[in-house]
Amino acid sequence: MELAREHKVRPTYYAAALDLKGKLCAVIGGGIVAERKLKGLLEGGADRVRLVSPEVTPGIAALADGGNIILEQRDYQESDLANVWLVFACTHDAMLNAAIALAANRRGIWCNVTDDAASGSFISPSVVRRGDLLLAVTASGASPSLSALIRTELERQYGPQYIERVERLRQLREYVYKTQKNERVRREVLRLAAEGTLMDDGAAGTLGLDEWYAVLLEITIGRQME
């Protein structure tokens, strides 16, 4: 027997990284999923977050006690979307989530619906954070399990050491842009630095910025002369 075909048009997503600093974000719901979405917002730089739910997990309560979020333990009201820039609808009530999505869409608010991704305006990928390095993967709702498995692989491949490595690459980039005016040379030096970081040659952590740049510049000039 053939599987029933899904006639609903599946959305095609555009990948983007959002700057949440200073923007009011809301989470409607207080369960495990809401806690996960809340932590993702905070890790992503959100500094104005309101969570609305009559009951919440101990983890959410702890975040509220720490002053990280505004917690309002009551039922959702549409007025909770006033001035909100982004909202997660993650209650245990599918009809309520749909109503939140409808209201958010009318107001032009970014909305994620955990039990019906297509009714919202965005989906949140599985994420690996290593300082400034942000790796995100999604199967566009087809298989969250696959996204989670790939994320686990990425966590192993890009370990905590990349926090320092990426910061060193940022520092080198700033140094190179101050000292090197030739765009072609700049591009090649920074490409070599990134390649070395991936190959784990250790240079990013053992040399000063000026020494590291000098080594990379010598290699770059040598290649251009070949």
C-alpha atoms as a PDB file:
ATOM      1  CA  MET A   1       0.000   0.000   0.000  1.00  0.00           C
ATOM      2  CA  GLU A   2       1.354   3.390  -0.942  1.00  0.00           C
ATOM      3  CA  LEU A   3       1.739   5.989   1.737  1.00  0.00           C
ATOM      4  CA  ALA A   4      -0.847   8.751   1.544  1.00  0.00           C
ATOM      5  CA  ARG A   5       0.560  11.746  -0.273  1.00  0.00           C
ATOM      6  CA  GLU A   6       0.741  15.035   1.585  1.00  0.00           C
ATOM      7  CA  HIS A   7      -1.030  17.652  -0.541  1.00  0.00           C
ATOM      8  CA  LYS A   8      -0.171  20.562   1.705  1.00  0.00           C
ATOM      9  CA  VAL A   9       2.566  22.661   0.133  1.00  0.00           C
ATOM     10  CA  ARG A  10       5.721  22.350   2.186  1.00  0.00           C
ATOM     11  CA  PRO A  11       7.533  25.631   2.841  1.00  0.00           C
ATOM     12  CA  THR A  12      11.029  26.212   1.552  1.00  0.00           C
ATOM     13  CA  TYR A  13      13.203  27.879   4.185  1.00  0.00           C
ATOM     14  CA  TYR A  14      15.845  30.576   3.962  1.00  0.00           C
ATOM     15  CA  ALA A  15      18.662  30.150   6.481  1.00  0.00           C
ATOM     16  CA  ALA A  16      19.490  33.232   8.557  1.00  0.00           C
ATOM     17  CA  ALA A  17      21.205  34.111  11.833  1.00  0.00           C
ATOM     18  CA  LEU A  18      19.227  36.668  13.852  1.00  0.00           C
ATOM     19  CA  ASP A  19      20.549  39.379  16.157  1.00  0.00           C
ATOM     20  CA  LEU A  20      18.187  39.265  19.158  1.00  0.00           C
ATOM     21  CA  LYS A  21      19.914  41.777  21.397  1.00  0.00           C
ATOM     22  CA  GLY A  22      17.474  44.423  22.601  1.00  0.00           C
ATOM     23  CA  LYS A  23      14.476  42.762  20.917  1.00  0.00           C
ATOM     24  CA  LEU A  24      11.536  41.502  22.965  1.00  0.00           C
ATOM     25  CA  CYS A  25      11.075  37.750  22.540  1.00  0.00           C
ATOM     26  CA  ALA A  26       8.281  35.614  23.986  1.00  0.00           C
ATOM     27  CA  VAL A  27       7.861  31.957  24.827  1.00  0.00           C
ATOM     28  CA  ILE A  28       4.293  30.761  25.363  1.00  0.00           C
ATOM     29  CA  GLY A  29       4.410  27.484  27.263  1.00  0.00           C
ATOM     30  CA  GLY A  30       6.179  26.117  30.310  1.00  0.00           C
ATOM     31  CA  GLY A  31       7.150  22.526  29.554  1.00  0.00           C
ATOM     32  CA  ILE A  32      10.385  20.807  28.518  1.00  0.00           C
ATOM     33  CA  VAL A  33      10.130  22.066  24.928  1.00  0.00           C
ATOM     34  CA  ALA A  34       9.537  25.623  26.142  1.00  0.00           C
ATOM     35  CA  GLU A  35      12.577  25.340  28.417  1.00  0.00           C
ATOM     36  CA  ARG A  36      14.720  24.183  25.493  1.00  0.00           C
ATOM     37  CA  LYS A  37      13.528  27.045  23.292  1.00  0.00           C
ATOM     38  CA  LEU A  38      14.094  29.500  26.133  1.00  0.00           C
ATOM     39  CA  LYS A  39      17.675  28.341  26.661  1.00  0.00           C
ATOM     40  CA  GLY A  40      18.291  28.591  22.932  1.00  0.00           C
ATOM     41  CA  LEU A  41      17.144  32.205  22.954  1.00  0.00           C
ATOM     42  CA  LEU A  42      19.404  33.086  25.875  1.00  0.00           C
ATOM     43  CA  GLU A  43      22.393  31.310  24.308  1.00  0.00           C
ATOM     44  CA  GLY A  44      21.644  33.217  21.094  1.00  0.00           C
ATOM     45  CA  GLY A  45      22.028  36.581  22.804  1.00  0.00           C
ATOM     46  CA  ALA A  46      18.408  37.420  23.634  1.00  0.00           C
ATOM     47  CA  ASP A  47      18.319  39.797  26.601  1.00  0.00           C
ATOM     48  CA  ARG A  48      14.594  40.600  26.720  1.00  0.00           C
ATOM     49  CA  VAL A  49      12.543  37.427  27.052  1.00  0.00           C
ATOM     50  CA  ARG A  50       9.019  37.006  28.437  1.00  0.00           C
ATOM     51  CA  LEU A  51       7.664  33.533  29.209  1.00  0.00           C
ATOM     52  CA  VAL A  52       3.947  33.044  29.804  1.00  0.00           C
ATOM     53  CA  SER A  53       2.527  29.828  31.263  1.00  0.00           C
ATOM     54  CA  PRO A  54       0.447  28.850  34.305  1.00  0.00           C
ATOM     55  CA  GLU A  55       2.962  26.123  35.169  1.00  0.00           C
ATOM     56  CA  VAL A  56       6.677  25.897  34.404  1.00  0.00           C
ATOM     57  CA  THR A  57       9.522  23.411  34.759  1.00  0.00           C
ATOM     58  CA  PRO A  58      12.055  23.758  37.586  1.00  0.00           C
ATOM     59  CA  GLY A  59      14.614  24.826  34.967  1.00  0.00           C
ATOM     60  CA  ILE A  60      12.453  27.707  33.787  1.00  0.00           C
ATOM     61  CA  ALA A  61      11.756  28.729  37.377  1.00  0.00           C
ATOM     62  CA  ALA A  62      15.489  28.779  38.096  1.00  0.00           C
ATOM     63  CA  LEU A  63      16.153  31.024  35.097  1.00  0.00           C
ATOM     64  CA  ALA A  64      13.431  33.377  36.270  1.00  0.00           C
ATOM     65  CA  ASP A  65      14.854  33.451  39.802  1.00  0.00           C
ATOM     66  CA  GLY A  66      18.229  34.357  38.307  1.00  0.00           C
ATOM     67  CA  GLY A  67      16.722  37.399  36.610  1.00  0.00           C
ATOM     68  CA  ASN A  68      17.344  36.070  33.096  1.00  0.00           C
ATOM     69  CA  ILE A  69      13.711  36.250  31.964  1.00  0.00           C
ATOM     70  CA  ILE A  70      10.365  37.841  32.772  1.00  0.00           C
ATOM     71  CA  LEU A  71       8.091  35.035  33.987  1.00  0.00           C
ATOM     72  CA  GLU A  72       4.327  35.508  34.035  1.00  0.00           C
ATOM     73  CA  GLN A  73       2.576  32.438  35.454  1.00  0.00           C
ATOM     74  CA  ARG A  74      -0.908  32.778  33.967  1.00  0.00           C
ATOM     75  CA  ASP A  75      -2.858  31.895  30.852  1.00  0.00           C
ATOM     76  CA  TYR A  76      -1.825  33.389  27.516  1.00  0.00           C
ATOM     77  CA  GLN A  77      -3.568  36.500  26.209  1.00  0.00           C
ATOM     78  CA  GLU A  78      -3.160  37.922  22.709  1.00  0.00           C
ATOM     79  CA  SER A  79      -1.963  41.158  24.307  1.00  0.00           C
ATOM     80  CA  ASP A  80       1.177  39.208  25.305  1.00  0.00           C
ATOM     81  CA  LEU A  81       2.317  39.696  21.697  1.00  0.00           C
ATOM     82  CA  ALA A  82       2.367  43.483  21.980  1.00  0.00           C
ATOM     83  CA  ASN A  83       5.783  44.816  20.915  1.00  0.00           C
ATOM     84  CA  VAL A  84       7.129  41.249  20.573  1.00  0.00           C
ATOM     85  CA  TRP A  85       9.639  40.663  17.777  1.00  0.00           C
ATOM     86  CA  LEU A  86       9.784  36.858  17.914  1.00  0.00           C
ATOM     87  CA  VAL A  87       7.635  34.238  19.643  1.00  0.00           C
ATOM     88  CA  PHE A  88       7.726  30.500  20.296  1.00  0.00           C
ATOM     89  CA  ALA A  89       4.309  28.839  20.591  1.00  0.00           C
ATOM     90  CA  CYS A  90       5.019  25.668  22.541  1.00  0.00           C
ATOM     91  CA  THR A  91       2.082  24.930  24.791  1.00  0.00           C
ATOM     92  CA  HIS A  92       0.538  21.460  25.110  1.00  0.00           C
ATOM     93  CA  ASP A  93      -2.597  22.719  23.339  1.00  0.00           C
ATOM     94  CA  ALA A  94      -2.362  22.471  19.527  1.00  0.00           C
ATOM     95  CA  MET A  95      -5.360  24.775  19.026  1.00  0.00           C
ATOM     96  CA  LEU A  96      -3.835  27.412  21.270  1.00  0.00           C
ATOM     97  CA  ASN A  97      -0.513  27.167  19.418  1.00  0.00           C
ATOM     98  CA  ALA A  98      -2.384  27.657  16.138  1.00  0.00           C
ATOM     99  CA  ALA A  99      -4.150  30.721  17.551  1.00  0.00           C
ATOM    100  CA  ILE A 100      -0.842  32.200  18.687  1.00  0.00           C
ATOM    101  CA  ALA A 101       0.621  31.616  15.218  1.00  0.00           C
ATOM    102  CA  LEU A 102      -2.379  33.262  13.548  1.00  0.00           C
ATOM    103  CA  ALA A 103      -2.148  36.299  15.813  1.00  0.00           C
ATOM    104  CA  ALA A 104       1.615  36.547  15.330  1.00  0.00           C
ATOM    105  CA  ASN A 105       1.330  36.296  11.561  1.00  0.00           C
ATOM    106  CA  ARG A 106      -1.269  39.096  11.542  1.00  0.00           C
ATOM    107  CA  ARG A 107       1.119  41.281  13.504  1.00  0.00           C
ATOM    108  CA  GLY A 108       4.154  40.434  11.365  1.00  0.00           C
ATOM    109  CA  ILE A 109       5.941  38.701  14.258  1.00  0.00           C
ATOM    110  CA  TRP A 110       8.454  35.920  13.712  1.00  0.00           C
ATOM    111  CA  CYS A 111       6.699  32.796  15.034  1.00  0.00           C
ATOM    112  CA  ASN A 112       7.801  29.211  15.624  1.00  0.00           C
ATOM    113  CA  VAL A 113       5.148  26.575  16.334  1.00  0.00           C
ATOM    114  CA  THR A 114       6.626  23.442  17.840  1.00  0.00           C
ATOM    115  CA  ASP A 115       3.846  21.022  16.876  1.00  0.00           C
ATOM    116  CA  ASP A 116       3.107  22.423  13.391  1.00  0.00           C
ATOM    117  CA  ALA A 117       6.147  24.061  11.819  1.00  0.00           C
ATOM    118  CA  ALA A 118       4.329  25.002   8.612  1.00  0.00           C
ATOM    119  CA  SER A 119       1.858  27.256  10.463  1.00  0.00           C
ATOM    120  CA  GLY A 120       4.676  29.448  11.787  1.00  0.00           C
ATOM    121  CA  SER A 121       7.066  31.712   9.935  1.00  0.00           C
ATOM    122  CA  PHE A 122      10.345  29.998  10.875  1.00  0.00           C
ATOM    123  CA  ILE A 123      11.819  26.794  12.234  1.00  0.00           C
ATOM    124  CA  SER A 124      14.738  26.542  14.647  1.00  0.00           C
ATOM    125  CA  PRO A 125      17.587  24.240  13.569  1.00  0.00           C
ATOM    126  CA  SER A 126      19.698  21.937  15.683  1.00  0.00           C
ATOM    127  CA  VAL A 127      22.673  24.033  16.749  1.00  0.00           C
ATOM    128  CA  VAL A 128      26.290  23.596  17.851  1.00  0.00           C
ATOM    129  CA  ARG A 129      27.904  26.670  19.417  1.00  0.00           C
ATOM    130  CA  ARG A 130      31.646  27.082  19.795  1.00  0.00           C
ATOM    131  CA  GLY A 131      32.080  30.706  20.736  1.00  0.00           C
ATOM    132  CA  ASP A 132      31.550  32.721  17.557  1.00  0.00           C
ATOM    133  CA  LEU A 133      31.313  29.535  15.501  1.00  0.00           C
ATOM    134  CA  LEU A 134      27.666  28.643  14.975  1.00  0.00           C
ATOM    135  CA  LEU A 135      26.830  25.409  13.169  1.00  0.00           C
ATOM    136  CA  ALA A 136      23.169  24.815  12.370  1.00  0.00           C
ATOM    137  CA  VAL A 137      21.448  21.916  10.625  1.00  0.00           C
ATOM    138  CA  THR A 138      17.844  21.193   9.780  1.00  0.00           C
ATOM    139  CA  ALA A 139      15.936  18.703   7.670  1.00  0.00           C
ATOM    140  CA  SER A 140      13.198  21.341   7.216  1.00  0.00           C
ATOM    141  CA  GLY A 141      10.882  19.454   9.524  1.00  0.00           C
ATOM    142  CA  ALA A 142      11.177  16.150   7.648  1.00  0.00           C
ATOM    143  CA  SER A 143      13.232  14.454  10.359  1.00  0.00           C
ATOM    144  CA  PRO A 144      14.255  16.250  13.555  1.00  0.00           C
ATOM    145  CA  SER A 145      15.955  12.984  14.559  1.00  0.00           C
ATOM    146  CA  LEU A 146      18.282  13.203  11.555  1.00  0.00           C
ATOM    147  CA  SER A 147      19.102  16.826  12.417  1.00  0.00           C
ATOM    148  CA  ALA A 148      19.928  15.787  15.982  1.00  0.00           C
ATOM    149  CA  LEU A 149      22.195  12.961  14.814  1.00  0.00           C
ATOM    150  CA  ILE A 150      24.100  15.258  12.453  1.00  0.00           C
ATOM    151  CA  ARG A 151      24.419  17.821  15.246  1.00  0.00           C
ATOM    152  CA  THR A 152      26.007  15.129  17.440  1.00  0.00           C
ATOM    153  CA  GLU A 153      28.536  14.407  14.688  1.00  0.00           C
ATOM    154  CA  LEU A 154      29.330  18.117  14.405  1.00  0.00           C
ATOM    155  CA  GLU A 155      29.804  18.355  18.183  1.00  0.00           C
ATOM    156  CA  ARG A 156      32.465  15.638  17.973  1.00  0.00           C
ATOM    157  CA  GLN A 157      34.146  17.107  14.903  1.00  0.00           C
ATOM    158  CA  TYR A 158      34.202  20.688  16.165  1.00  0.00           C
ATOM    159  CA  GLY A 159      35.012  20.427  19.860  1.00  0.00           C
ATOM    160  CA  PRO A 160      35.389  23.116  22.537  1.00  0.00           C
ATOM    161  CA  GLN A 161      38.878  23.948  21.237  1.00  0.00           C
ATOM    162  CA  TYR A 162      37.206  25.848  18.406  1.00  0.00           C
ATOM    163  CA  ILE A 163      36.078  28.539  20.842  1.00  0.00           C
ATOM    164  CA  GLU A 164      39.652  29.777  21.173  1.00  0.00           C
ATOM    165  CA  ARG A 165      40.557  29.010  17.570  1.00  0.00           C
ATOM    166  CA  VAL A 166      37.754  31.095  16.118  1.00  0.00           C
ATOM    167  CA  GLU A 167      38.525  33.959  18.491  1.00  0.00           C
ATOM    168  CA  ARG A 168      42.153  33.883  17.303  1.00  0.00           C
ATOM    169  CA  LEU A 169      40.959  33.972  13.693  1.00  0.00           C
ATOM    170  CA  ARG A 170      38.859  37.032  14.513  1.00  0.00           C
ATOM    171  CA  GLN A 171      41.861  38.757  16.089  1.00  0.00           C
ATOM    172  CA  LEU A 172      44.050  37.867  13.106  1.00  0.00           C
ATOM    173  CA  ARG A 173      41.473  39.205  10.669  1.00  0.00           C
ATOM    174  CA  GLU A 174      41.351  42.539  12.486  1.00  0.00           C
ATOM    175  CA  TYR A 175      45.173  42.670  12.559  1.00  0.00           C
ATOM    176  CA  VAL A 176      45.473  41.839   8.846  1.00  0.00           C
ATOM    177  CA  TYR A 177      42.947  44.473   7.816  1.00  0.00           C
ATOM    178  CA  LYS A 178      44.915  47.081   9.737  1.00  0.00           C
ATOM    179  CA  THR A 179      48.305  46.141   8.314  1.00  0.00           C
ATOM    180  CA  GLN A 180      47.665  44.828   4.803  1.00  0.00           C
ATOM    181  CA  LYS A 181      46.036  47.008   2.128  1.00  0.00           C
ATOM    182  CA  ASN A 182      46.237  44.528  -0.747  1.00  0.00           C
ATOM    183  CA  GLU A 183      42.848  42.795  -0.852  1.00  0.00           C
ATOM    184  CA  ARG A 184      44.150  39.761  -2.731  1.00  0.00           C
ATOM    185  CA  VAL A 185      46.922  39.221  -0.187  1.00  0.00           C
ATOM    186  CA  ARG A 186      44.520  39.707   2.720  1.00  0.00           C
ATOM    187  CA  ARG A 187      42.140  37.128   1.305  1.00  0.00           C
ATOM    188  CA  GLU A 188      44.884  34.550   0.782  1.00  0.00           C
ATOM    189  CA  VAL A 189      46.435  35.086   4.230  1.00  0.00           C
ATOM    190  CA  LEU A 190      43.091  34.642   5.960  1.00  0.00           C
ATOM    191  CA  ARG A 191      42.261  31.594   3.866  1.00  0.00           C
ATOM    192  CA  LEU A 192      45.569  29.993   4.865  1.00  0.00           C
ATOM    193  CA  ALA A 193      44.855  30.783   8.514  1.00  0.00           C
ATOM    194  CA  ALA A 194      41.444  29.119   8.298  1.00  0.00           C
ATOM    195  CA  GLU A 195      42.905  26.068   6.553  1.00  0.00           C
ATOM    196  CA  GLY A 196      45.559  25.756   9.254  1.00  0.00           C
ATOM    197  CA  THR A 197      42.906  25.959  11.944  1.00  0.00           C
ATOM    198  CA  LEU A 198      40.965  23.102  10.373  1.00  0.00           C
ATOM    199  CA  MET A 199      44.126  21.020  10.020  1.00  0.00           C
ATOM    200  CA  ASP A 200      44.960  21.614  13.699  1.00  0.00           C
ATOM    201  CA  ASP A 201      48.517  22.796  13.050  1.00  0.00           C
ATOM    202  CA  GLY A 202      48.596  24.620  16.385  1.00  0.00           C
ATOM    203  CA  ALA A 203      49.846  27.926  14.974  1.00  0.00           C
ATOM    204  CA  ALA A 204      46.772  29.823  16.095  1.00  0.00           C
ATOM    205  CA  GLY A 205      47.614  29.183  19.721  1.00  0.00           C
ATOM    206  CA  THR A 206      51.425  29.297  19.821  1.00  0.00           C
ATOM    207  CA  LEU A 207      52.361  32.389  17.791  1.00  0.00           C
ATOM    208  CA  GLY A 208      51.672  36.046  18.414  1.00  0.00           C
ATOM    209  CA  LEU A 209      49.476  37.750  15.846  1.00  0.00           C
ATOM    210  CA  ASP A 210      52.438  39.500  14.221  1.00  0.00           C
ATOM    211  CA  GLU A 211      54.445  36.260  14.017  1.00  0.00           C
ATOM    212  CA  TRP A 212      51.494  34.283  12.709  1.00  0.00           C
ATOM    213  CA  TYR A 213      50.780  36.929  10.093  1.00  0.00           C
ATOM    214  CA  ALA A 214      54.443  37.022   9.027  1.00  0.00           C
ATOM    215  CA  VAL A 215      54.474  33.255   8.465  1.00  0.00           C
ATOM    216  CA  LEU A 216      51.243  33.341   6.483  1.00  0.00           C
ATOM    217  CA  LEU A 217      52.411  36.352   4.457  1.00  0.00           C
ATOM    218  CA  GLU A 218      55.664  34.612   3.556  1.00  0.00           C
ATOM    219  CA  ILE A 219      53.750  31.567   2.320  1.00  0.00           C
ATOM    220  CA  THR A 220      51.346  33.776   0.363  1.00  0.00           C
ATOM    221  CA  ILE A 221      54.104  35.747  -1.358  1.00  0.00           C
ATOM    222  CA  GLY A 222      55.982  32.544  -2.122  1.00  0.00           C
ATOM    223  CA  ARG A 223      52.964  31.049  -3.836  1.00  0.00           C
ATOM    224  CA  GLN A 224      52.338  34.193  -5.867  1.00  0.00           C
ATOM    225  CA  MET A 225      55.927  34.095  -7.146  1.00  0.00           C
ATOM    226  CA  GLU A 226      55.670  30.498  -8.355  1.00  0.00           C
END
